[in-house]
């Protein structure tokens, strides 16, 4: 996987993979398949994607997949909430915006995005405009939290993301939400696909990604997100992205020059 920073609200990655374990990202993920076929599963949808298709994950949506045959090649765009605001309109504080779209099969709009991503010389403006057109074709919902298994899990996710994920315990989360800890743990695992503490560790990796994109050194990042040392950060980062954090640091460095 290689990285490039289009601008602060849009990170881009290019990768090839045979399979990847369940993991999550802190932003929306827009994945354009450029070659091969893959079977994708997430806590929200599952299906088979092929070259020319584009599929989507919400922030912190656990997902995994495996290719059919050789490695599948794909580009990923990670738009921020601010970028989504510019496409779909802003949401009010406390509301949760979720894309309901799983996959957009090969179409004129997906081809425009794939072509922009595949251009020999990256054209940031073309990539962003193609992405905006595609996102405007997607279905989004905006919800206020309520005490259902889905919303309990989402509220726990929000607390982990907004608070100190390094010391968040299931008992503390349950107390803030107003539910039994065992009920929270069951709801969270059923809805998100991993236990709350696994999710919290991946939130720390997501924060590390943001800090690396901001130009911080890896040793500093490891301390700032409370990993014991840089090797600990490297192990956790590779579980999510498949490459060490140095690959992102080098990619961001090249993009800024």
C-alpha atoms as a PDB file:
ATOM      1  CA  UNK A   1       0.000   0.000   0.000  1.00  0.00           C
ATOM      2  CA  UNK A   2       1.252   3.473  -0.892  1.00  0.00           C
ATOM      3  CA  UNK A   3      -0.172   6.787   0.292  1.00  0.00           C
ATOM      4  CA  UNK A   4      -0.601  10.295  -1.076  1.00  0.00           C
ATOM      5  CA  UNK A   5      -2.212  13.308   0.584  1.00  0.00           C
ATOM      6  CA  UNK A   6      -4.504  15.068  -1.895  1.00  0.00           C
ATOM      7  CA  UNK A   7      -5.159  17.698   0.786  1.00  0.00           C
ATOM      8  CA  UNK A   8      -5.904  17.700   4.493  1.00  0.00           C
ATOM      9  CA  UNK A   9      -9.455  16.358   3.997  1.00  0.00           C
ATOM     10  CA  UNK A  10      -8.677  13.636   1.447  1.00  0.00           C
ATOM     11  CA  UNK A  11      -6.028  10.962   1.921  1.00  0.00           C
ATOM     12  CA  UNK A  12      -5.465   8.543  -0.970  1.00  0.00           C
ATOM     13  CA  UNK A  13      -3.960   5.040  -0.910  1.00  0.00           C
ATOM     14  CA  UNK A  14      -3.125   2.509  -3.631  1.00  0.00           C
ATOM     15  CA  UNK A  15      -2.860  -1.170  -2.775  1.00  0.00           C
ATOM     16  CA  UNK A  16      -2.940  -4.785  -3.885  1.00  0.00           C
ATOM     17  CA  UNK A  17      -4.101  -7.519  -1.531  1.00  0.00           C
ATOM     18  CA  UNK A  18      -5.059 -11.182  -1.441  1.00  0.00           C
ATOM     19  CA  UNK A  19      -6.878 -10.896   1.877  1.00  0.00           C
ATOM     20  CA  UNK A  20      -7.072  -8.651   4.923  1.00  0.00           C
ATOM     21  CA  UNK A  21      -8.230  -9.278   8.477  1.00  0.00           C
ATOM     22  CA  UNK A  22     -11.136  -7.422  10.132  1.00  0.00           C
ATOM     23  CA  UNK A  23     -10.150  -3.806  10.787  1.00  0.00           C
ATOM     24  CA  UNK A  24     -11.537  -0.271  10.588  1.00  0.00           C
ATOM     25  CA  UNK A  25     -10.622   3.302   9.612  1.00  0.00           C
ATOM     26  CA  UNK A  26     -11.496   6.608  11.229  1.00  0.00           C
ATOM     27  CA  UNK A  27     -12.905   8.191   8.056  1.00  0.00           C
ATOM     28  CA  UNK A  28     -15.303   7.202   5.317  1.00  0.00           C
ATOM     29  CA  UNK A  29     -13.571   4.832   2.887  1.00  0.00           C
ATOM     30  CA  UNK A  30     -14.300   4.896  -0.844  1.00  0.00           C
ATOM     31  CA  UNK A  31     -12.664   1.920  -2.569  1.00  0.00           C
ATOM     32  CA  UNK A  32     -12.321   1.783  -6.362  1.00  0.00           C
ATOM     33  CA  UNK A  33     -11.399  -1.662  -7.694  1.00  0.00           C
ATOM     34  CA  UNK A  34      -8.979  -1.354 -10.621  1.00  0.00           C
ATOM     35  CA  UNK A  35      -8.353  -5.059 -11.321  1.00  0.00           C
ATOM     36  CA  UNK A  36      -9.366  -8.447  -9.965  1.00  0.00           C
ATOM     37  CA  UNK A  37     -12.329  -9.663  -7.947  1.00  0.00           C
ATOM     38  CA  UNK A  38     -12.785  -9.689  -4.171  1.00  0.00           C
ATOM     39  CA  UNK A  39     -15.296 -10.916  -1.622  1.00  0.00           C
ATOM     40  CA  UNK A  40     -15.969  -8.182   0.938  1.00  0.00           C
ATOM     41  CA  UNK A  41     -17.747  -8.417   4.278  1.00  0.00           C
ATOM     42  CA  UNK A  42     -18.433  -5.756   6.871  1.00  0.00           C
ATOM     43  CA  UNK A  43     -20.692  -5.219   9.860  1.00  0.00           C
ATOM     44  CA  UNK A  44     -23.165  -3.568   7.432  1.00  0.00           C
ATOM     45  CA  UNK A  45     -22.997  -5.456   4.111  1.00  0.00           C
ATOM     46  CA  UNK A  46     -21.220  -8.208   2.198  1.00  0.00           C
ATOM     47  CA  UNK A  47     -20.807  -9.036  -1.471  1.00  0.00           C
ATOM     48  CA  UNK A  48     -18.478  -9.571  -4.422  1.00  0.00           C
ATOM     49  CA  UNK A  49     -16.832  -6.615  -6.147  1.00  0.00           C
ATOM     50  CA  UNK A  50     -15.083  -6.486  -9.513  1.00  0.00           C
ATOM     51  CA  UNK A  51     -12.890  -4.139 -11.525  1.00  0.00           C
ATOM     52  CA  UNK A  52     -14.755  -0.885 -12.123  1.00  0.00           C
ATOM     53  CA  UNK A  53     -16.913  -1.200  -8.993  1.00  0.00           C
ATOM     54  CA  UNK A  54     -16.670   1.262  -6.102  1.00  0.00           C
ATOM     55  CA  UNK A  55     -17.668   0.348  -2.559  1.00  0.00           C
ATOM     56  CA  UNK A  56     -18.020   2.223   0.713  1.00  0.00           C
ATOM     57  CA  UNK A  57     -17.448   1.930   4.453  1.00  0.00           C
ATOM     58  CA  UNK A  58     -18.523   4.353   7.177  1.00  0.00           C
ATOM     59  CA  UNK A  59     -16.049   5.638   9.775  1.00  0.00           C
ATOM     60  CA  UNK A  60     -15.067   2.854  12.169  1.00  0.00           C
ATOM     61  CA  UNK A  61     -17.072   0.229  10.247  1.00  0.00           C
ATOM     62  CA  UNK A  62     -15.269  -3.088  10.724  1.00  0.00           C
ATOM     63  CA  UNK A  63     -14.553  -4.830   7.413  1.00  0.00           C
ATOM     64  CA  UNK A  64     -12.499  -7.631   5.904  1.00  0.00           C
ATOM     65  CA  UNK A  65     -12.117  -9.358   2.570  1.00  0.00           C
ATOM     66  CA  UNK A  66     -10.330 -11.826   0.310  1.00  0.00           C
ATOM     67  CA  UNK A  67      -9.575 -11.827  -3.399  1.00  0.00           C
ATOM     68  CA  UNK A  68     -10.732 -14.449  -5.875  1.00  0.00           C
ATOM     69  CA  UNK A  69      -7.598 -15.785  -7.553  1.00  0.00           C
ATOM     70  CA  UNK A  70      -4.693 -13.355  -7.678  1.00  0.00           C
ATOM     71  CA  UNK A  71      -4.366 -10.094  -5.783  1.00  0.00           C
ATOM     72  CA  UNK A  72      -7.090  -7.495  -6.219  1.00  0.00           C
ATOM     73  CA  UNK A  73      -5.801  -3.998  -6.960  1.00  0.00           C
ATOM     74  CA  UNK A  74      -7.622  -0.954  -5.716  1.00  0.00           C
ATOM     75  CA  UNK A  75      -7.400   2.729  -4.816  1.00  0.00           C
ATOM     76  CA  UNK A  76      -8.888   4.045  -1.569  1.00  0.00           C
ATOM     77  CA  UNK A  77      -9.975   7.595  -0.830  1.00  0.00           C
ATOM     78  CA  UNK A  78     -10.508   8.606   2.813  1.00  0.00           C
ATOM     79  CA  UNK A  79     -12.689  11.755   2.801  1.00  0.00           C
ATOM     80  CA  UNK A  80     -13.127  13.585   6.084  1.00  0.00           C
ATOM     81  CA  UNK A  81     -16.406  14.672   7.666  1.00  0.00           C
ATOM     82  CA  UNK A  82     -15.684  18.151   6.322  1.00  0.00           C
ATOM     83  CA  UNK A  83     -15.413  16.779   2.785  1.00  0.00           C
ATOM     84  CA  UNK A  84     -18.726  14.917   3.239  1.00  0.00           C
ATOM     85  CA  UNK A  85     -20.302  18.132   4.535  1.00  0.00           C
ATOM     86  CA  UNK A  86     -19.392  19.789   1.244  1.00  0.00           C
ATOM     87  CA  UNK A  87     -21.100  16.957  -0.690  1.00  0.00           C
ATOM     88  CA  UNK A  88     -24.211  16.164   1.347  1.00  0.00           C
ATOM     89  CA  UNK A  89     -24.609  19.129   3.705  1.00  0.00           C
ATOM     90  CA  UNK A  90     -23.541  19.351   7.379  1.00  0.00           C
ATOM     91  CA  UNK A  91     -25.093  17.398  10.240  1.00  0.00           C
ATOM     92  CA  UNK A  92     -25.986  18.830  13.643  1.00  0.00           C
ATOM     93  CA  UNK A  93     -23.894  18.044  16.748  1.00  0.00           C
ATOM     94  CA  UNK A  94     -24.785  14.622  18.138  1.00  0.00           C
ATOM     95  CA  UNK A  95     -26.229  13.344  14.864  1.00  0.00           C
ATOM     96  CA  UNK A  96     -24.707  10.410  13.034  1.00  0.00           C
ATOM     97  CA  UNK A  97     -24.362  10.434   9.255  1.00  0.00           C
ATOM     98  CA  UNK A  98     -24.212   6.991   7.674  1.00  0.00           C
ATOM     99  CA  UNK A  99     -23.961   5.935   4.076  1.00  0.00           C
ATOM    100  CA  UNK A 100     -26.470   3.210   3.263  1.00  0.00           C
ATOM    101  CA  UNK A 101     -24.740   2.451  -0.022  1.00  0.00           C
ATOM    102  CA  UNK A 102     -22.573  -0.645  -0.063  1.00  0.00           C
ATOM    103  CA  UNK A 103     -21.459  -0.923  -3.694  1.00  0.00           C
ATOM    104  CA  UNK A 104     -21.936   1.100  -6.854  1.00  0.00           C
ATOM    105  CA  UNK A 105     -21.382  -1.333  -9.728  1.00  0.00           C
ATOM    106  CA  UNK A 106     -19.507  -0.250 -12.809  1.00  0.00           C
ATOM    107  CA  UNK A 107     -21.125   2.813 -14.334  1.00  0.00           C
ATOM    108  CA  UNK A 108     -20.228   6.071 -16.023  1.00  0.00           C
ATOM    109  CA  UNK A 109     -19.675   7.734 -12.647  1.00  0.00           C
ATOM    110  CA  UNK A 110     -17.434   4.973 -11.305  1.00  0.00           C
ATOM    111  CA  UNK A 111     -15.436   4.929 -14.550  1.00  0.00           C
ATOM    112  CA  UNK A 112     -14.819   8.668 -14.229  1.00  0.00           C
ATOM    113  CA  UNK A 113     -13.411   8.162 -10.731  1.00  0.00           C
ATOM    114  CA  UNK A 114     -11.301   5.132 -11.727  1.00  0.00           C
ATOM    115  CA  UNK A 115      -9.934   7.007 -14.747  1.00  0.00           C
ATOM    116  CA  UNK A 116      -9.043  10.028 -12.608  1.00  0.00           C
ATOM    117  CA  UNK A 117      -7.273   7.800 -10.081  1.00  0.00           C
ATOM    118  CA  UNK A 118      -5.427   5.880 -12.834  1.00  0.00           C
ATOM    119  CA  UNK A 119      -4.121   8.931 -14.693  1.00  0.00           C
ATOM    120  CA  UNK A 120      -0.312   8.857 -15.146  1.00  0.00           C
ATOM    121  CA  UNK A 121      -0.068  12.243 -13.456  1.00  0.00           C
ATOM    122  CA  UNK A 122      -2.425  12.677 -10.516  1.00  0.00           C
ATOM    123  CA  UNK A 123      -4.925  15.501 -11.013  1.00  0.00           C
ATOM    124  CA  UNK A 124      -6.289  16.351  -7.575  1.00  0.00           C
ATOM    125  CA  UNK A 125      -9.105  18.496  -8.964  1.00  0.00           C
ATOM    126  CA  UNK A 126     -10.361  15.697 -11.252  1.00  0.00           C
ATOM    127  CA  UNK A 127     -10.205  13.129  -8.459  1.00  0.00           C
ATOM    128  CA  UNK A 128     -12.113  15.359  -6.043  1.00  0.00           C
ATOM    129  CA  UNK A 129     -14.798  16.316  -8.556  1.00  0.00           C
ATOM    130  CA  UNK A 130     -15.310  12.680  -9.633  1.00  0.00           C
ATOM    131  CA  UNK A 131     -15.584  11.664  -5.984  1.00  0.00           C
ATOM    132  CA  UNK A 132     -18.100  14.421  -5.259  1.00  0.00           C
ATOM    133  CA  UNK A 133     -20.300  13.292  -8.174  1.00  0.00           C
ATOM    134  CA  UNK A 134     -20.191   9.706  -6.970  1.00  0.00           C
ATOM    135  CA  UNK A 135     -20.975  10.589  -3.349  1.00  0.00           C
ATOM    136  CA  UNK A 136     -23.983  12.635  -4.466  1.00  0.00           C
ATOM    137  CA  UNK A 137     -25.383   9.452  -6.023  1.00  0.00           C
ATOM    138  CA  UNK A 138     -25.083   7.566  -2.734  1.00  0.00           C
ATOM    139  CA  UNK A 139     -27.785   7.214  -0.106  1.00  0.00           C
ATOM    140  CA  UNK A 140     -27.105   8.687   3.338  1.00  0.00           C
ATOM    141  CA  UNK A 141     -29.103   8.721   6.551  1.00  0.00           C
ATOM    142  CA  UNK A 142     -28.803  11.059   9.539  1.00  0.00           C
ATOM    143  CA  UNK A 143     -29.947   9.702  12.878  1.00  0.00           C
ATOM    144  CA  UNK A 144     -30.121  10.807  16.492  1.00  0.00           C
ATOM    145  CA  UNK A 145     -28.984   8.221  19.047  1.00  0.00           C
ATOM    146  CA  UNK A 146     -31.605   6.006  20.749  1.00  0.00           C
ATOM    147  CA  UNK A 147     -31.210   2.985  23.011  1.00  0.00           C
ATOM    148  CA  UNK A 148     -31.339   0.186  20.430  1.00  0.00           C
ATOM    149  CA  UNK A 149     -28.450  -2.320  20.004  1.00  0.00           C
ATOM    150  CA  UNK A 150     -27.286  -0.370  16.949  1.00  0.00           C
ATOM    151  CA  UNK A 151     -27.455   3.010  18.646  1.00  0.00           C
ATOM    152  CA  UNK A 152     -25.874   1.714  21.872  1.00  0.00           C
ATOM    153  CA  UNK A 153     -22.908   0.536  19.837  1.00  0.00           C
ATOM    154  CA  UNK A 154     -22.767   3.814  17.923  1.00  0.00           C
ATOM    155  CA  UNK A 155     -22.889   5.881  21.115  1.00  0.00           C
ATOM    156  CA  UNK A 156     -20.066   3.764  22.542  1.00  0.00           C
ATOM    157  CA  UNK A 157     -18.095   4.377  19.331  1.00  0.00           C
ATOM    158  CA  UNK A 158     -18.650   8.113  19.639  1.00  0.00           C
ATOM    159  CA  UNK A 159     -17.535   8.125  23.283  1.00  0.00           C
ATOM    160  CA  UNK A 160     -14.388   6.186  22.407  1.00  0.00           C
ATOM    161  CA  UNK A 161     -13.623   8.480  19.473  1.00  0.00           C
ATOM    162  CA  UNK A 162     -14.296  11.720  21.373  1.00  0.00           C
ATOM    163  CA  UNK A 163     -12.746  10.725  24.678  1.00  0.00           C
ATOM    164  CA  UNK A 164      -9.547   9.120  25.867  1.00  0.00           C
ATOM    165  CA  UNK A 165      -9.626   5.793  23.999  1.00  0.00           C
ATOM    166  CA  UNK A 166      -6.443   4.705  25.758  1.00  0.00           C
ATOM    167  CA  UNK A 167      -8.160   4.254  29.147  1.00  0.00           C
ATOM    168  CA  UNK A 168     -11.798   3.673  28.147  1.00  0.00           C
ATOM    169  CA  UNK A 169     -13.246   0.613  29.864  1.00  0.00           C
ATOM    170  CA  UNK A 170     -16.454  -1.190  29.011  1.00  0.00           C
ATOM    171  CA  UNK A 171     -17.827  -0.448  32.511  1.00  0.00           C
ATOM    172  CA  UNK A 172     -17.146   3.272  32.055  1.00  0.00           C
ATOM    173  CA  UNK A 173     -18.808   3.322  28.627  1.00  0.00           C
ATOM    174  CA  UNK A 174     -21.864   1.478  29.942  1.00  0.00           C
ATOM    175  CA  UNK A 175     -22.186   3.905  32.865  1.00  0.00           C
ATOM    176  CA  UNK A 176     -22.106   6.930  30.525  1.00  0.00           C
ATOM    177  CA  UNK A 177     -24.692   5.415  28.176  1.00  0.00           C
ATOM    178  CA  UNK A 178     -26.895   4.098  30.975  1.00  0.00           C
ATOM    179  CA  UNK A 179     -26.902   0.378  30.161  1.00  0.00           C
ATOM    180  CA  UNK A 180     -25.569  -2.801  31.724  1.00  0.00           C
ATOM    181  CA  UNK A 181     -21.915  -3.531  30.791  1.00  0.00           C
ATOM    182  CA  UNK A 182     -22.720  -7.029  29.531  1.00  0.00           C
ATOM    183  CA  UNK A 183     -25.562  -5.631  27.406  1.00  0.00           C
ATOM    184  CA  UNK A 184     -23.177  -3.044  25.969  1.00  0.00           C
ATOM    185  CA  UNK A 185     -20.560  -5.698  25.193  1.00  0.00           C
ATOM    186  CA  UNK A 186     -23.114  -7.937  23.421  1.00  0.00           C
ATOM    187  CA  UNK A 187     -24.651  -5.045  21.480  1.00  0.00           C
ATOM    188  CA  UNK A 188     -21.251  -3.725  20.490  1.00  0.00           C
ATOM    189  CA  UNK A 189     -19.870  -7.023  19.256  1.00  0.00           C
ATOM    190  CA  UNK A 190     -23.082  -7.936  17.413  1.00  0.00           C
ATOM    191  CA  UNK A 191     -23.259  -4.547  15.692  1.00  0.00           C
ATOM    192  CA  UNK A 192     -19.614  -3.564  15.158  1.00  0.00           C
ATOM    193  CA  UNK A 193     -18.050  -7.021  14.855  1.00  0.00           C
ATOM    194  CA  UNK A 194     -15.279  -6.657  17.445  1.00  0.00           C
ATOM    195  CA  UNK A 195     -15.177  -6.076  21.242  1.00  0.00           C
ATOM    196  CA  UNK A 196     -15.086  -2.458  22.495  1.00  0.00           C
ATOM    197  CA  UNK A 197     -11.429  -2.649  23.540  1.00  0.00           C
ATOM    198  CA  UNK A 198     -10.329  -3.935  20.114  1.00  0.00           C
ATOM    199  CA  UNK A 199     -12.222  -1.027  18.594  1.00  0.00           C
ATOM    200  CA  UNK A 200     -10.525   1.383  21.009  1.00  0.00           C
ATOM    201  CA  UNK A 201      -7.068   0.124  19.988  1.00  0.00           C
ATOM    202  CA  UNK A 202      -7.908   0.710  16.342  1.00  0.00           C
ATOM    203  CA  UNK A 203      -9.119   4.213  17.169  1.00  0.00           C
ATOM    204  CA  UNK A 204      -5.631   4.848  18.528  1.00  0.00           C
ATOM    205  CA  UNK A 205      -4.176   3.651  15.219  1.00  0.00           C
ATOM    206  CA  UNK A 206      -6.560   5.991  13.395  1.00  0.00           C
ATOM    207  CA  UNK A 207      -5.360   8.894  15.537  1.00  0.00           C
ATOM    208  CA  UNK A 208      -1.790   7.881  14.793  1.00  0.00           C
ATOM    209  CA  UNK A 209      -2.588   8.065  11.072  1.00  0.00           C
ATOM    210  CA  UNK A 210      -3.908  11.614  11.498  1.00  0.00           C
ATOM    211  CA  UNK A 211      -0.784  12.694  13.384  1.00  0.00           C
ATOM    212  CA  UNK A 212       1.533  11.155  10.787  1.00  0.00           C
ATOM    213  CA  UNK A 213      -0.384  12.987   8.049  1.00  0.00           C
ATOM    214  CA  UNK A 214       0.114  16.175  10.060  1.00  0.00           C
ATOM    215  CA  UNK A 215       3.887  15.651   9.872  1.00  0.00           C
ATOM    216  CA  UNK A 216       4.741  14.298  13.345  1.00  0.00           C
ATOM    217  CA  UNK A 217       7.608  11.820  13.691  1.00  0.00           C
ATOM    218  CA  UNK A 218       6.857   8.175  14.455  1.00  0.00           C
ATOM    219  CA  UNK A 219       8.447   8.177  17.916  1.00  0.00           C
ATOM    220  CA  UNK A 220       6.422  11.229  18.878  1.00  0.00           C
ATOM    221  CA  UNK A 221       3.231   9.702  17.467  1.00  0.00           C
ATOM    222  CA  UNK A 222       3.745   6.486  19.454  1.00  0.00           C
ATOM    223  CA  UNK A 223       3.957   8.534  22.667  1.00  0.00           C
ATOM    224  CA  UNK A 224       1.041  10.806  21.766  1.00  0.00           C
ATOM    225  CA  UNK A 225      -1.371   7.884  21.305  1.00  0.00           C
ATOM    226  CA  UNK A 226       0.126   5.988  24.282  1.00  0.00           C
ATOM    227  CA  UNK A 227       1.709   3.011  22.550  1.00  0.00           C
ATOM    228  CA  UNK A 228       4.615   1.659  24.593  1.00  0.00           C
ATOM    229  CA  UNK A 229       7.127   2.419  21.831  1.00  0.00           C
ATOM    230  CA  UNK A 230       7.462   2.747  18.056  1.00  0.00           C
ATOM    231  CA  UNK A 231       7.567  -1.057  17.448  1.00  0.00           C
ATOM    232  CA  UNK A 232       4.227  -1.332  19.289  1.00  0.00           C
ATOM    233  CA  UNK A 233       2.781   1.363  17.009  1.00  0.00           C
ATOM    234  CA  UNK A 234       4.211  -0.464  13.985  1.00  0.00           C
ATOM    235  CA  UNK A 235       2.586  -3.783  14.956  1.00  0.00           C
ATOM    236  CA  UNK A 236      -0.845  -2.243  15.465  1.00  0.00           C
ATOM    237  CA  UNK A 237      -0.593  -0.051  12.353  1.00  0.00           C
ATOM    238  CA  UNK A 238       0.295  -3.042  10.143  1.00  0.00           C
ATOM    239  CA  UNK A 239      -2.780  -4.909  11.404  1.00  0.00           C
ATOM    240  CA  UNK A 240      -4.966  -2.119   9.976  1.00  0.00           C
ATOM    241  CA  UNK A 241      -3.120  -1.002   6.830  1.00  0.00           C
ATOM    242  CA  UNK A 242      -0.939  -3.999   5.998  1.00  0.00           C
ATOM    243  CA  UNK A 243       2.210  -1.840   5.897  1.00  0.00           C
ATOM    244  CA  UNK A 244       4.292  -0.134   8.614  1.00  0.00           C
ATOM    245  CA  UNK A 245       3.584   3.504   9.522  1.00  0.00           C
ATOM    246  CA  UNK A 246       6.850   4.519   7.854  1.00  0.00           C
ATOM    247  CA  UNK A 247       5.182   3.854   4.477  1.00  0.00           C
ATOM    248  CA  UNK A 248       2.555   6.489   5.255  1.00  0.00           C
ATOM    249  CA  UNK A 249       5.166   8.886   6.639  1.00  0.00           C
ATOM    250  CA  UNK A 250       7.256   8.597   3.472  1.00  0.00           C
ATOM    251  CA  UNK A 251       4.193   8.929   1.218  1.00  0.00           C
ATOM    252  CA  UNK A 252       3.021  12.047   3.009  1.00  0.00           C
ATOM    253  CA  UNK A 253       6.547  13.472   2.865  1.00  0.00           C
ATOM    254  CA  UNK A 254       6.677  13.017  -0.904  1.00  0.00           C
ATOM    255  CA  UNK A 255       3.228  14.588  -1.339  1.00  0.00           C
ATOM    256  CA  UNK A 256       4.249  17.688   0.592  1.00  0.00           C
ATOM    257  CA  UNK A 257       7.370  18.326  -1.481  1.00  0.00           C
END
